[in-house]
Amino acid sequence: MSKKVGLDIGYSNVIAVYSGDSGNQESIVRPARATPLNALPRDSGLRAGEVIVEVDGQPWVAFAGPGRAGDRELHKDYTASDYYQALFKGALLNAACNSDVVDTLVTGLPVSQFHDKSYVRALKERMTGRHRISPKIEIDVRQVEVVPQPVGTLTDVYCTSEHAEVIEESVVLVIDPGFFSVDWVVFIQRELATKTSNSSLKAMSVLLETCAEEVALDFGGNPGTDKIEWALQEGKNSIMLFGRKVDLPDYLKRASDRVIPTVMREIKQELRKLENQVVDCVILGGGGASLYESYARQEFPSALILCSSDIIRSNAQGFWHIAHS
């Protein structure tokens, strides 16, 4: 059976969508945290979901749990880091499903990085070929395709919703609020409008920092972004601070009001290049999509607003569909 993988290595989560042994679609969602094994306390063992992979001959722990990894890599050279390689190999170990070959792997880059063809070429070269995962496991990735990150969400919605005809015949804006960047792409009748597609660094990392600041104003202490991020990843709406329960929705709303309108202004400024064409449809995907929905409705009141049915997996699911096309 031909093995196809859609892989979304973000700054917050790693999501892989692949065909399992039975042929059904399967997926993993893991924290985008990694650390050298020797940085962990001796005899600490592995926690659920963590895996050990080899990076430049050294053992690393991919998908490290809360408090187990140091500072994350949060920069434009992320894909060239050992940290990223550990996450990539951890995803391969899960997605290959006892196979030593991945025929096609599709992944995405922030739009601003995708514009740099040398960056795209370097990532494809790093991902293609035979990878030593551990002393006993090697996996051969035969073909890699790199696309702008929001193309995954567009493809996912196109393949799974009842609005395929709208997407085919419209000017469609796709917004993907990620941890490192908020990416957007414009499609005109499914053709990418490169000049109106871009990224903003006022992303979820900035929004969570702002949320932590808002909490500090009321409670006298800053909980930090990690605590808020972990709570949201676990589906919780509160954190503990100084022994008190802090409900997050109100603080996330305050932070959103400070951050998201600025991003929407950046997007609308880019849309001026559409030369009087209007946006017919806005598609939202990615971990921050639910926070952006009300702002998208305010900015584009006449447009059809669509969200992926699974905003966390939307890009990886779309990549998986592209791998099968």
C-alpha atoms as a PDB file:
ATOM      1  CA  MET A   1       0.000   0.000   0.000  1.00  0.00           C
ATOM      2  CA  SER A   2       1.313   3.449  -0.994  1.00  0.00           C
ATOM      3  CA  LYS A   3       2.049   5.506   2.132  1.00  0.00           C
ATOM      4  CA  LYS A   4       0.944   9.164   2.028  1.00  0.00           C
ATOM      5  CA  VAL A   5       1.501  11.630   4.864  1.00  0.00           C
ATOM      6  CA  GLY A   6       0.227  15.143   5.505  1.00  0.00           C
ATOM      7  CA  LEU A   7       2.537  16.763   8.064  1.00  0.00           C
ATOM      8  CA  ASP A   8       2.058  20.071   9.868  1.00  0.00           C
ATOM      9  CA  ILE A   9       5.035  20.841  12.129  1.00  0.00           C
ATOM     10  CA  GLY A  10       4.045  24.023  13.894  1.00  0.00           C
ATOM     11  CA  TYR A  11       5.477  25.923  16.830  1.00  0.00           C
ATOM     12  CA  SER A  12       2.748  24.689  19.166  1.00  0.00           C
ATOM     13  CA  ASN A  13       1.659  21.300  17.795  1.00  0.00           C
ATOM     14  CA  VAL A  14       2.886  18.621  15.414  1.00  0.00           C
ATOM     15  CA  ILE A  15       0.024  17.062  13.451  1.00  0.00           C
ATOM     16  CA  ALA A  16       0.437  14.141  11.079  1.00  0.00           C
ATOM     17  CA  VAL A  17      -2.399  12.636   9.036  1.00  0.00           C
ATOM     18  CA  TYR A  18      -1.733   9.326   7.337  1.00  0.00           C
ATOM     19  CA  SER A  19      -3.272   6.046   6.200  1.00  0.00           C
ATOM     20  CA  GLY A  20      -3.157   3.389   8.894  1.00  0.00           C
ATOM     21  CA  ASP A  21      -2.545  -0.314   8.382  1.00  0.00           C
ATOM     22  CA  SER A  22      -6.249  -0.810   7.620  1.00  0.00           C
ATOM     23  CA  GLY A  23      -6.239   1.975   5.011  1.00  0.00           C
ATOM     24  CA  ASN A  24      -8.363   4.316   7.157  1.00  0.00           C
ATOM     25  CA  GLN A  25      -7.220   7.863   7.830  1.00  0.00           C
ATOM     26  CA  GLU A  26      -5.413   8.188  11.148  1.00  0.00           C
ATOM     27  CA  SER A  27      -3.679  11.094  12.836  1.00  0.00           C
ATOM     28  CA  ILE A  28      -1.536  12.222  15.732  1.00  0.00           C
ATOM     29  CA  VAL A  29      -1.489  15.559  17.525  1.00  0.00           C
ATOM     30  CA  ARG A  30       1.563  16.082  19.722  1.00  0.00           C
ATOM     31  CA  PRO A  31       3.174  19.092  21.434  1.00  0.00           C
ATOM     32  CA  ALA A  32       5.879  20.735  19.332  1.00  0.00           C
ATOM     33  CA  ARG A  33       8.497  20.393  22.041  1.00  0.00           C
ATOM     34  CA  ALA A  34      11.807  18.531  21.871  1.00  0.00           C
ATOM     35  CA  THR A  35      14.944  18.229  23.958  1.00  0.00           C
ATOM     36  CA  PRO A  36      18.184  16.241  23.973  1.00  0.00           C
ATOM     37  CA  LEU A  37      17.709  13.125  26.082  1.00  0.00           C
ATOM     38  CA  ASN A  38      20.696  14.027  28.252  1.00  0.00           C
ATOM     39  CA  ALA A  39      18.970  17.303  29.240  1.00  0.00           C
ATOM     40  CA  LEU A  40      16.312  15.366  31.150  1.00  0.00           C
ATOM     41  CA  PRO A  41      16.848  14.113  34.711  1.00  0.00           C
ATOM     42  CA  ARG A  42      18.436  10.681  34.778  1.00  0.00           C
ATOM     43  CA  ASP A  43      15.960   7.808  35.069  1.00  0.00           C
ATOM     44  CA  SER A  44      13.027  10.149  34.421  1.00  0.00           C
ATOM     45  CA  GLY A  45      11.668   7.771  31.778  1.00  0.00           C
ATOM     46  CA  LEU A  46       9.358   8.621  28.890  1.00  0.00           C
ATOM     47  CA  ARG A  47       5.898  10.095  29.365  1.00  0.00           C
ATOM     48  CA  ALA A  48       2.881   9.154  27.262  1.00  0.00           C
ATOM     49  CA  GLY A  49       3.322  10.258  23.636  1.00  0.00           C
ATOM     50  CA  GLU A  50       7.051  10.977  23.912  1.00  0.00           C
ATOM     51  CA  VAL A  51       9.454   9.147  21.591  1.00  0.00           C
ATOM     52  CA  ILE A  52      13.239   8.942  21.327  1.00  0.00           C
ATOM     53  CA  VAL A  53      14.782   9.725  17.930  1.00  0.00           C
ATOM     54  CA  GLU A  54      18.319  10.219  16.686  1.00  0.00           C
ATOM     55  CA  VAL A  55      19.508  13.659  15.536  1.00  0.00           C
ATOM     56  CA  ASP A  56      23.104  13.919  14.323  1.00  0.00           C
ATOM     57  CA  GLY A  57      23.942  10.760  16.235  1.00  0.00           C
ATOM     58  CA  GLN A  58      22.462  12.003  19.506  1.00  0.00           C
ATOM     59  CA  PRO A  59      19.223  10.820  21.163  1.00  0.00           C
ATOM     60  CA  TRP A  60      16.466  13.417  21.412  1.00  0.00           C
ATOM     61  CA  VAL A  61      13.028  13.272  23.006  1.00  0.00           C
ATOM     62  CA  ALA A  62      10.324  14.431  20.593  1.00  0.00           C
ATOM     63  CA  PHE A  63       6.887  15.600  21.778  1.00  0.00           C
ATOM     64  CA  ALA A  64       8.203  16.381  25.269  1.00  0.00           C
ATOM     65  CA  GLY A  65       5.557  16.908  27.934  1.00  0.00           C
ATOM     66  CA  PRO A  66       4.957  20.030  30.071  1.00  0.00           C
ATOM     67  CA  GLY A  67       8.097  21.304  31.763  1.00  0.00           C
ATOM     68  CA  ARG A  68      10.315  18.730  30.037  1.00  0.00           C
ATOM     69  CA  ALA A  69      11.878  20.929  27.334  1.00  0.00           C
ATOM     70  CA  GLY A  70      13.708  24.231  27.430  1.00  0.00           C
ATOM     71  CA  ASP A  71      12.902  27.282  25.364  1.00  0.00           C
ATOM     72  CA  ARG A  72      11.243  26.478  22.057  1.00  0.00           C
ATOM     73  CA  GLU A  73      12.762  27.428  18.724  1.00  0.00           C
ATOM     74  CA  LEU A  74      10.770  30.468  17.593  1.00  0.00           C
ATOM     75  CA  HIS A  75      12.556  31.951  14.596  1.00  0.00           C
ATOM     76  CA  LYS A  76      12.592  31.846  10.808  1.00  0.00           C
ATOM     77  CA  ASP A  77      15.346  29.181  10.695  1.00  0.00           C
ATOM     78  CA  TYR A  78      13.193  26.772  12.694  1.00  0.00           C
ATOM     79  CA  THR A  79      13.130  24.154   9.926  1.00  0.00           C
ATOM     80  CA  ALA A  80      16.951  23.942   9.898  1.00  0.00           C
ATOM     81  CA  SER A  81      17.231  23.306  13.654  1.00  0.00           C
ATOM     82  CA  ASP A  82      17.937  20.025  15.460  1.00  0.00           C
ATOM     83  CA  TYR A  83      14.741  20.751  17.394  1.00  0.00           C
ATOM     84  CA  TYR A  84      12.701  20.622  14.161  1.00  0.00           C
ATOM     85  CA  GLN A  85      14.534  17.491  12.981  1.00  0.00           C
ATOM     86  CA  ALA A  86      13.587  15.728  16.217  1.00  0.00           C
ATOM     87  CA  LEU A  87       9.920  16.601  15.688  1.00  0.00           C
ATOM     88  CA  PHE A  88      10.072  15.556  12.026  1.00  0.00           C
ATOM     89  CA  LYS A  89      11.586  12.179  12.865  1.00  0.00           C
ATOM     90  CA  GLY A  90       9.124  11.654  15.710  1.00  0.00           C
ATOM     91  CA  ALA A  91       6.250  12.279  13.307  1.00  0.00           C
ATOM     92  CA  LEU A  92       7.752   9.855  10.756  1.00  0.00           C
ATOM     93  CA  LEU A  93       8.076   7.175  13.423  1.00  0.00           C
ATOM     94  CA  ASN A  94       4.348   7.444  14.160  1.00  0.00           C
ATOM     95  CA  ALA A  95       3.058   7.987  10.620  1.00  0.00           C
ATOM     96  CA  ALA A  96       5.079   5.290   8.858  1.00  0.00           C
ATOM     97  CA  CYS A  97       3.038   2.637  10.718  1.00  0.00           C
ATOM     98  CA  ASN A  98       5.693  -0.106  10.721  1.00  0.00           C
ATOM     99  CA  SER A  99       6.670   0.731   7.129  1.00  0.00           C
ATOM    100  CA  ASP A 100      10.146   1.849   6.109  1.00  0.00           C
ATOM    101  CA  VAL A 101       8.899   3.884   3.128  1.00  0.00           C
ATOM    102  CA  VAL A 102       6.795   7.048   2.812  1.00  0.00           C
ATOM    103  CA  ASP A 103       5.959   7.538  -0.863  1.00  0.00           C
ATOM    104  CA  THR A 104       4.677  11.123  -0.639  1.00  0.00           C
ATOM    105  CA  LEU A 105       4.892  13.656   2.184  1.00  0.00           C
ATOM    106  CA  VAL A 106       3.210  17.064   1.938  1.00  0.00           C
ATOM    107  CA  THR A 107       3.940  19.852   4.394  1.00  0.00           C
ATOM    108  CA  GLY A 108       3.529  23.633   4.625  1.00  0.00           C
ATOM    109  CA  LEU A 109       5.483  26.779   5.352  1.00  0.00           C
ATOM    110  CA  PRO A 110       4.407  30.246   6.512  1.00  0.00           C
ATOM    111  CA  VAL A 111       3.513  32.245   3.400  1.00  0.00           C
ATOM    112  CA  SER A 112       6.346  34.741   3.870  1.00  0.00           C
ATOM    113  CA  GLN A 113       8.863  31.869   3.947  1.00  0.00           C
ATOM    114  CA  PHE A 114       7.221  30.072   1.027  1.00  0.00           C
ATOM    115  CA  HIS A 115       7.962  33.119  -1.131  1.00  0.00           C
ATOM    116  CA  ASP A 116      11.689  32.335  -0.665  1.00  0.00           C
ATOM    117  CA  LYS A 117      12.270  29.488  -3.122  1.00  0.00           C
ATOM    118  CA  SER A 118      15.718  28.718  -1.683  1.00  0.00           C
ATOM    119  CA  TYR A 119      14.053  28.142   1.691  1.00  0.00           C
ATOM    120  CA  VAL A 120      11.515  25.782   0.117  1.00  0.00           C
ATOM    121  CA  ARG A 121      14.227  23.914  -1.759  1.00  0.00           C
ATOM    122  CA  ALA A 122      16.336  23.480   1.393  1.00  0.00           C
ATOM    123  CA  LEU A 123      13.382  22.075   3.354  1.00  0.00           C
ATOM    124  CA  LYS A 124      12.549  19.590   0.597  1.00  0.00           C
ATOM    125  CA  GLU A 125      16.167  18.445   0.510  1.00  0.00           C
ATOM    126  CA  ARG A 126      16.242  17.950   4.289  1.00  0.00           C
ATOM    127  CA  MET A 127      13.022  15.924   4.281  1.00  0.00           C
ATOM    128  CA  THR A 128      13.642  13.805   1.185  1.00  0.00           C
ATOM    129  CA  GLY A 129      15.703  10.629   1.402  1.00  0.00           C
ATOM    130  CA  ARG A 130      16.561   7.984   3.955  1.00  0.00           C
ATOM    131  CA  HIS A 131      16.346   9.037   7.606  1.00  0.00           C
ATOM    132  CA  ARG A 132      17.914   7.200  10.528  1.00  0.00           C
ATOM    133  CA  ILE A 133      15.228   7.413  13.203  1.00  0.00           C
ATOM    134  CA  SER A 134      16.918   5.150  15.757  1.00  0.00           C
ATOM    135  CA  PRO A 135      19.645   2.459  15.722  1.00  0.00           C
ATOM    136  CA  LYS A 136      17.119  -0.100  14.425  1.00  0.00           C
ATOM    137  CA  ILE A 137      14.774   2.031  12.300  1.00  0.00           C
ATOM    138  CA  GLU A 138      15.331   3.892   9.021  1.00  0.00           C
ATOM    139  CA  ILE A 139      12.552   5.455   6.923  1.00  0.00           C
ATOM    140  CA  ASP A 140      12.843   6.468   3.277  1.00  0.00           C
ATOM    141  CA  VAL A 141      10.825   9.537   2.222  1.00  0.00           C
ATOM    142  CA  ARG A 142      10.712   9.388  -1.563  1.00  0.00           C
ATOM    143  CA  GLN A 143       8.858  12.574  -2.529  1.00  0.00           C
ATOM    144  CA  VAL A 144       8.192  15.821  -0.649  1.00  0.00           C
ATOM    145  CA  GLU A 145       5.888  18.665  -1.657  1.00  0.00           C
ATOM    146  CA  VAL A 146       5.905  22.013   0.178  1.00  0.00           C
ATOM    147  CA  VAL A 147       2.925  24.377  -0.071  1.00  0.00           C
ATOM    148  CA  PRO A 148       1.878  27.649   1.629  1.00  0.00           C
ATOM    149  CA  GLN A 149       0.491  26.716   5.030  1.00  0.00           C
ATOM    150  CA  PRO A 150      -3.154  27.848   4.559  1.00  0.00           C
ATOM    151  CA  VAL A 151      -3.497  25.801   1.359  1.00  0.00           C
ATOM    152  CA  GLY A 152      -4.001  22.827   3.646  1.00  0.00           C
ATOM    153  CA  THR A 153      -7.108  24.316   5.236  1.00  0.00           C
ATOM    154  CA  LEU A 154      -8.482  25.374   1.852  1.00  0.00           C
ATOM    155  CA  THR A 155      -8.050  21.827   0.508  1.00  0.00           C
ATOM    156  CA  ASP A 156      -9.526  20.271   3.637  1.00  0.00           C
ATOM    157  CA  VAL A 157     -12.683  22.408   3.430  1.00  0.00           C
ATOM    158  CA  TYR A 158     -12.927  21.931  -0.340  1.00  0.00           C
ATOM    159  CA  CYS A 159     -12.741  18.136  -0.002  1.00  0.00           C
ATOM    160  CA  THR A 160     -15.034  17.730   3.005  1.00  0.00           C
ATOM    161  CA  SER A 161     -17.688  20.467   2.917  1.00  0.00           C
ATOM    162  CA  GLU A 162     -20.757  21.169   0.801  1.00  0.00           C
ATOM    163  CA  HIS A 163     -19.274  24.440  -0.451  1.00  0.00           C
ATOM    164  CA  ALA A 164     -16.847  23.116  -3.069  1.00  0.00           C
ATOM    165  CA  GLU A 165     -18.693  24.962  -5.859  1.00  0.00           C
ATOM    166  CA  VAL A 166     -18.459  28.260  -3.971  1.00  0.00           C
ATOM    167  CA  ILE A 167     -14.716  27.771  -3.507  1.00  0.00           C
ATOM    168  CA  GLU A 168     -14.207  26.925  -7.183  1.00  0.00           C
ATOM    169  CA  GLU A 169     -15.970  30.034  -8.488  1.00  0.00           C
ATOM    170  CA  SER A 170     -15.102  32.682  -5.886  1.00  0.00           C
ATOM    171  CA  VAL A 171     -12.455  34.964  -4.482  1.00  0.00           C
ATOM    172  CA  VAL A 172     -11.538  33.052  -1.330  1.00  0.00           C
ATOM    173  CA  LEU A 173      -9.461  34.362   1.580  1.00  0.00           C
ATOM    174  CA  VAL A 174      -7.961  31.673   3.831  1.00  0.00           C
ATOM    175  CA  ILE A 175      -6.695  32.796   7.257  1.00  0.00           C
ATOM    176  CA  ASP A 176      -4.535  30.465   9.356  1.00  0.00           C
ATOM    177  CA  PRO A 177      -3.658  31.862  12.818  1.00  0.00           C
ATOM    178  CA  GLY A 178      -0.640  29.846  13.936  1.00  0.00           C
ATOM    179  CA  PHE A 179       1.657  30.214  16.931  1.00  0.00           C
ATOM    180  CA  PHE A 180       4.554  31.886  15.076  1.00  0.00           C
ATOM    181  CA  SER A 181       2.671  33.624  12.265  1.00  0.00           C
ATOM    182  CA  VAL A 182      -0.807  34.409  11.012  1.00  0.00           C
ATOM    183  CA  ASP A 183      -0.819  33.350   7.365  1.00  0.00           C
ATOM    184  CA  TRP A 184      -3.320  34.232   4.707  1.00  0.00           C
ATOM    185  CA  VAL A 185      -3.705  33.272   1.075  1.00  0.00           C
ATOM    186  CA  VAL A 186      -6.134  34.455  -1.576  1.00  0.00           C
ATOM    187  CA  PHE A 187      -7.470  32.161  -4.272  1.00  0.00           C
ATOM    188  CA  ILE A 188      -9.348  33.423  -7.309  1.00  0.00           C
ATOM    189  CA  GLN A 189     -11.296  30.495  -8.742  1.00  0.00           C
ATOM    190  CA  ARG A 190      -8.789  28.159  -7.040  1.00  0.00           C
ATOM    191  CA  GLU A 191      -5.771  29.946  -8.530  1.00  0.00           C
ATOM    192  CA  LEU A 192      -3.342  31.308  -5.933  1.00  0.00           C
ATOM    193  CA  ALA A 193      -3.064  35.121  -5.983  1.00  0.00           C
ATOM    194  CA  THR A 194       0.541  35.333  -4.808  1.00  0.00           C
ATOM    195  CA  LYS A 195       0.684  39.130  -4.486  1.00  0.00           C
ATOM    196  CA  THR A 196      -2.126  39.242  -1.928  1.00  0.00           C
ATOM    197  CA  SER A 197      -0.885  36.333   0.200  1.00  0.00           C
ATOM    198  CA  ASN A 198       1.391  37.012   3.167  1.00  0.00           C
ATOM    199  CA  SER A 199       2.107  36.534   6.883  1.00  0.00           C
ATOM    200  CA  SER A 200       1.957  38.566  10.079  1.00  0.00           C
ATOM    201  CA  LEU A 201       4.094  37.895  13.167  1.00  0.00           C
ATOM    202  CA  LYS A 202       1.299  39.178  15.437  1.00  0.00           C
ATOM    203  CA  ALA A 203       0.343  35.544  15.897  1.00  0.00           C
ATOM    204  CA  MET A 204      -0.940  33.314  18.686  1.00  0.00           C
ATOM    205  CA  SER A 205       2.353  33.694  20.566  1.00  0.00           C
ATOM    206  CA  VAL A 206       1.718  37.449  20.769  1.00  0.00           C
ATOM    207  CA  LEU A 207      -1.941  36.942  21.642  1.00  0.00           C
ATOM    208  CA  LEU A 208      -1.049  34.552  24.499  1.00  0.00           C
ATOM    209  CA  GLU A 209       1.593  36.989  25.799  1.00  0.00           C
ATOM    210  CA  THR A 210      -1.078  39.693  25.773  1.00  0.00           C
ATOM    211  CA  CYS A 211      -3.513  37.371  27.547  1.00  0.00           C
ATOM    212  CA  ALA A 212      -0.902  36.745  30.259  1.00  0.00           C
ATOM    213  CA  GLU A 213      -0.448  40.518  30.651  1.00  0.00           C
ATOM    214  CA  GLU A 214      -4.210  40.958  31.085  1.00  0.00           C
ATOM    215  CA  VAL A 215      -4.262  38.262  33.775  1.00  0.00           C
ATOM    216  CA  ALA A 216      -1.364  39.994  35.551  1.00  0.00           C
ATOM    217  CA  LEU A 217      -3.307  43.277  35.678  1.00  0.00           C
ATOM    218  CA  ASP A 218      -6.070  41.585  37.691  1.00  0.00           C
ATOM    219  CA  PHE A 219      -4.138  38.998  39.719  1.00  0.00           C
ATOM    220  CA  GLY A 220      -0.777  40.689  40.277  1.00  0.00           C
ATOM    221  CA  GLY A 221       1.326  37.989  38.634  1.00  0.00           C
ATOM    222  CA  ASN A 222       2.069  36.903  35.085  1.00  0.00           C
ATOM    223  CA  PRO A 223       1.295  33.193  34.543  1.00  0.00           C
ATOM    224  CA  GLY A 224       3.430  33.033  31.400  1.00  0.00           C
ATOM    225  CA  THR A 225       2.336  31.837  27.996  1.00  0.00           C
ATOM    226  CA  ASP A 226       3.275  28.178  28.511  1.00  0.00           C
ATOM    227  CA  LYS A 227       0.720  27.664  31.266  1.00  0.00           C
ATOM    228  CA  ILE A 228      -2.048  29.209  29.170  1.00  0.00           C
ATOM    229  CA  GLU A 229      -1.017  27.289  26.040  1.00  0.00           C
ATOM    230  CA  TRP A 230      -0.922  23.932  27.829  1.00  0.00           C
ATOM    231  CA  ALA A 231      -4.379  24.559  29.326  1.00  0.00           C
ATOM    232  CA  LEU A 232      -5.859  25.375  25.910  1.00  0.00           C
ATOM    233  CA  GLN A 233      -4.200  22.334  24.328  1.00  0.00           C
ATOM    234  CA  GLU A 234      -5.798  20.167  27.004  1.00  0.00           C
ATOM    235  CA  GLY A 235      -9.217  21.698  26.317  1.00  0.00           C
ATOM    236  CA  LYS A 236      -9.314  23.566  29.630  1.00  0.00           C
ATOM    237  CA  ASN A 237     -10.788  27.046  30.060  1.00  0.00           C
ATOM    238  CA  SER A 238      -8.932  27.965  33.230  1.00  0.00           C
ATOM    239  CA  ILE A 239      -5.531  27.962  34.918  1.00  0.00           C
ATOM    240  CA  MET A 240      -4.391  28.179  38.536  1.00  0.00           C
ATOM    241  CA  LEU A 241      -2.436  31.225  39.732  1.00  0.00           C
ATOM    242  CA  PHE A 242      -1.489  31.859  43.367  1.00  0.00           C
ATOM    243  CA  GLY A 243      -3.895  29.077  44.346  1.00  0.00           C
ATOM    244  CA  ARG A 244      -6.809  30.786  42.594  1.00  0.00           C
ATOM    245  CA  LYS A 245      -8.720  29.654  39.529  1.00  0.00           C
ATOM    246  CA  VAL A 246      -8.409  32.042  36.581  1.00  0.00           C
ATOM    247  CA  ASP A 247     -11.073  31.668  33.890  1.00  0.00           C
ATOM    248  CA  LEU A 248      -9.409  32.280  30.539  1.00  0.00           C
ATOM    249  CA  PRO A 249     -12.211  33.226  28.086  1.00  0.00           C
ATOM    250  CA  ASP A 250     -12.547  36.815  29.289  1.00  0.00           C
ATOM    251  CA  TYR A 251      -8.778  37.387  29.184  1.00  0.00           C
ATOM    252  CA  LEU A 252      -8.493  35.777  25.756  1.00  0.00           C
ATOM    253  CA  LYS A 253     -11.218  38.156  24.548  1.00  0.00           C
ATOM    254  CA  ARG A 254      -9.373  41.163  25.956  1.00  0.00           C
ATOM    255  CA  ALA A 255      -6.159  39.993  24.299  1.00  0.00           C
ATOM    256  CA  SER A 256      -7.958  39.326  21.017  1.00  0.00           C
ATOM    257  CA  ASP A 257      -9.376  42.854  21.026  1.00  0.00           C
ATOM    258  CA  ARG A 258      -5.843  44.206  21.351  1.00  0.00           C
ATOM    259  CA  VAL A 259      -4.140  41.972  18.768  1.00  0.00           C
ATOM    260  CA  ILE A 260      -6.521  40.655  16.113  1.00  0.00           C
ATOM    261  CA  PRO A 261      -7.829  43.976  14.710  1.00  0.00           C
ATOM    262  CA  THR A 262      -4.228  44.907  13.882  1.00  0.00           C
ATOM    263  CA  VAL A 263      -3.786  41.654  11.953  1.00  0.00           C
ATOM    264  CA  MET A 264      -7.079  42.190  10.125  1.00  0.00           C
ATOM    265  CA  ARG A 265      -5.883  45.650   9.069  1.00  0.00           C
ATOM    266  CA  GLU A 266      -2.698  44.092   7.659  1.00  0.00           C
ATOM    267  CA  ILE A 267      -4.784  41.583   5.715  1.00  0.00           C
ATOM    268  CA  LYS A 268      -7.157  44.213   4.328  1.00  0.00           C
ATOM    269  CA  GLN A 269      -4.234  46.381   3.276  1.00  0.00           C
ATOM    270  CA  GLU A 270      -2.848  43.465   1.238  1.00  0.00           C
ATOM    271  CA  LEU A 271      -6.299  42.876  -0.267  1.00  0.00           C
ATOM    272  CA  ARG A 272      -6.137  46.296  -1.941  1.00  0.00           C
ATOM    273  CA  LYS A 273      -4.025  44.535  -4.573  1.00  0.00           C
ATOM    274  CA  LEU A 274      -7.123  42.620  -5.684  1.00  0.00           C
ATOM    275  CA  GLU A 275      -8.017  45.577  -7.912  1.00  0.00           C
ATOM    276  CA  ASN A 276     -11.644  46.076  -6.883  1.00  0.00           C
ATOM    277  CA  GLN A 277     -12.522  42.380  -6.612  1.00  0.00           C
ATOM    278  CA  VAL A 278     -14.422  41.545  -3.437  1.00  0.00           C
ATOM    279  CA  VAL A 279     -13.832  38.620  -1.088  1.00  0.00           C
ATOM    280  CA  ASP A 280     -16.712  36.169  -1.525  1.00  0.00           C
ATOM    281  CA  CYS A 281     -15.664  33.613   1.071  1.00  0.00           C
ATOM    282  CA  VAL A 282     -13.400  33.527   4.139  1.00  0.00           C
ATOM    283  CA  ILE A 283     -12.088  30.171   5.385  1.00  0.00           C
ATOM    284  CA  LEU A 284     -10.560  29.862   8.853  1.00  0.00           C
ATOM    285  CA  GLY A 285      -8.326  27.044  10.054  1.00  0.00           C
ATOM    286  CA  GLY A 286      -5.552  26.415  12.536  1.00  0.00           C
ATOM    287  CA  GLY A 287      -5.510  26.505  16.324  1.00  0.00           C
ATOM    288  CA  GLY A 288      -6.549  30.159  16.635  1.00  0.00           C
ATOM    289  CA  ALA A 289      -9.436  30.019  14.156  1.00  0.00           C
ATOM    290  CA  SER A 290     -12.193  30.169  16.776  1.00  0.00           C
ATOM    291  CA  LEU A 291     -10.780  33.434  18.160  1.00  0.00           C
ATOM    292  CA  TYR A 292     -10.698  35.013  14.694  1.00  0.00           C
ATOM    293  CA  GLU A 293     -14.202  34.064  13.550  1.00  0.00           C
ATOM    294  CA  SER A 294     -16.124  37.019  15.036  1.00  0.00           C
ATOM    295  CA  TYR A 295     -13.538  39.497  13.711  1.00  0.00           C
ATOM    296  CA  ALA A 296     -13.727  37.963  10.236  1.00  0.00           C
ATOM    297  CA  ARG A 297     -17.505  38.384  10.292  1.00  0.00           C
ATOM    298  CA  GLN A 298     -17.108  42.051  11.264  1.00  0.00           C
ATOM    299  CA  GLU A 299     -14.524  42.773   8.557  1.00  0.00           C
ATOM    300  CA  PHE A 300     -16.258  40.794   5.793  1.00  0.00           C
ATOM    301  CA  PRO A 301     -19.985  41.053   6.642  1.00  0.00           C
ATOM    302  CA  SER A 302     -21.164  40.047   3.162  1.00  0.00           C
ATOM    303  CA  ALA A 303     -18.815  37.090   2.721  1.00  0.00           C
ATOM    304  CA  LEU A 304     -19.541  33.436   3.436  1.00  0.00           C
ATOM    305  CA  ILE A 305     -17.503  32.518   6.544  1.00  0.00           C
ATOM    306  CA  LEU A 306     -16.407  28.880   6.800  1.00  0.00           C
ATOM    307  CA  CYS A 307     -14.409  27.029   9.442  1.00  0.00           C
ATOM    308  CA  SER A 308     -12.844  23.629   9.053  1.00  0.00           C
ATOM    309  CA  SER A 309     -14.734  20.926  10.932  1.00  0.00           C
ATOM    310  CA  ASP A 310     -11.444  20.152  12.722  1.00  0.00           C
ATOM    311  CA  ILE A 311      -9.469  23.372  13.041  1.00  0.00           C
ATOM    312  CA  ILE A 312      -6.489  21.738  14.756  1.00  0.00           C
ATOM    313  CA  ARG A 313      -5.981  19.107  12.041  1.00  0.00           C
ATOM    314  CA  SER A 314      -7.239  21.170   9.107  1.00  0.00           C
ATOM    315  CA  ASN A 315      -3.876  21.913   7.478  1.00  0.00           C
ATOM    316  CA  ALA A 316      -2.497  18.394   7.899  1.00  0.00           C
ATOM    317  CA  GLN A 317      -5.742  16.889   6.581  1.00  0.00           C
ATOM    318  CA  GLY A 318      -5.543  19.137   3.548  1.00  0.00           C
ATOM    319  CA  PHE A 319      -1.904  18.170   2.998  1.00  0.00           C
ATOM    320  CA  TRP A 320      -2.970  14.507   3.131  1.00  0.00           C
ATOM    321  CA  HIS A 321      -5.598  15.130   0.443  1.00  0.00           C
ATOM    322  CA  ILE A 322      -2.952  16.889  -1.694  1.00  0.00           C
ATOM    323  CA  ALA A 323      -0.668  13.857  -1.298  1.00  0.00           C
ATOM    324  CA  HIS A 324      -3.444  11.719  -2.783  1.00  0.00           C
ATOM    325  CA  SER A 325      -4.197  14.048  -5.707  1.00  0.00           C
END
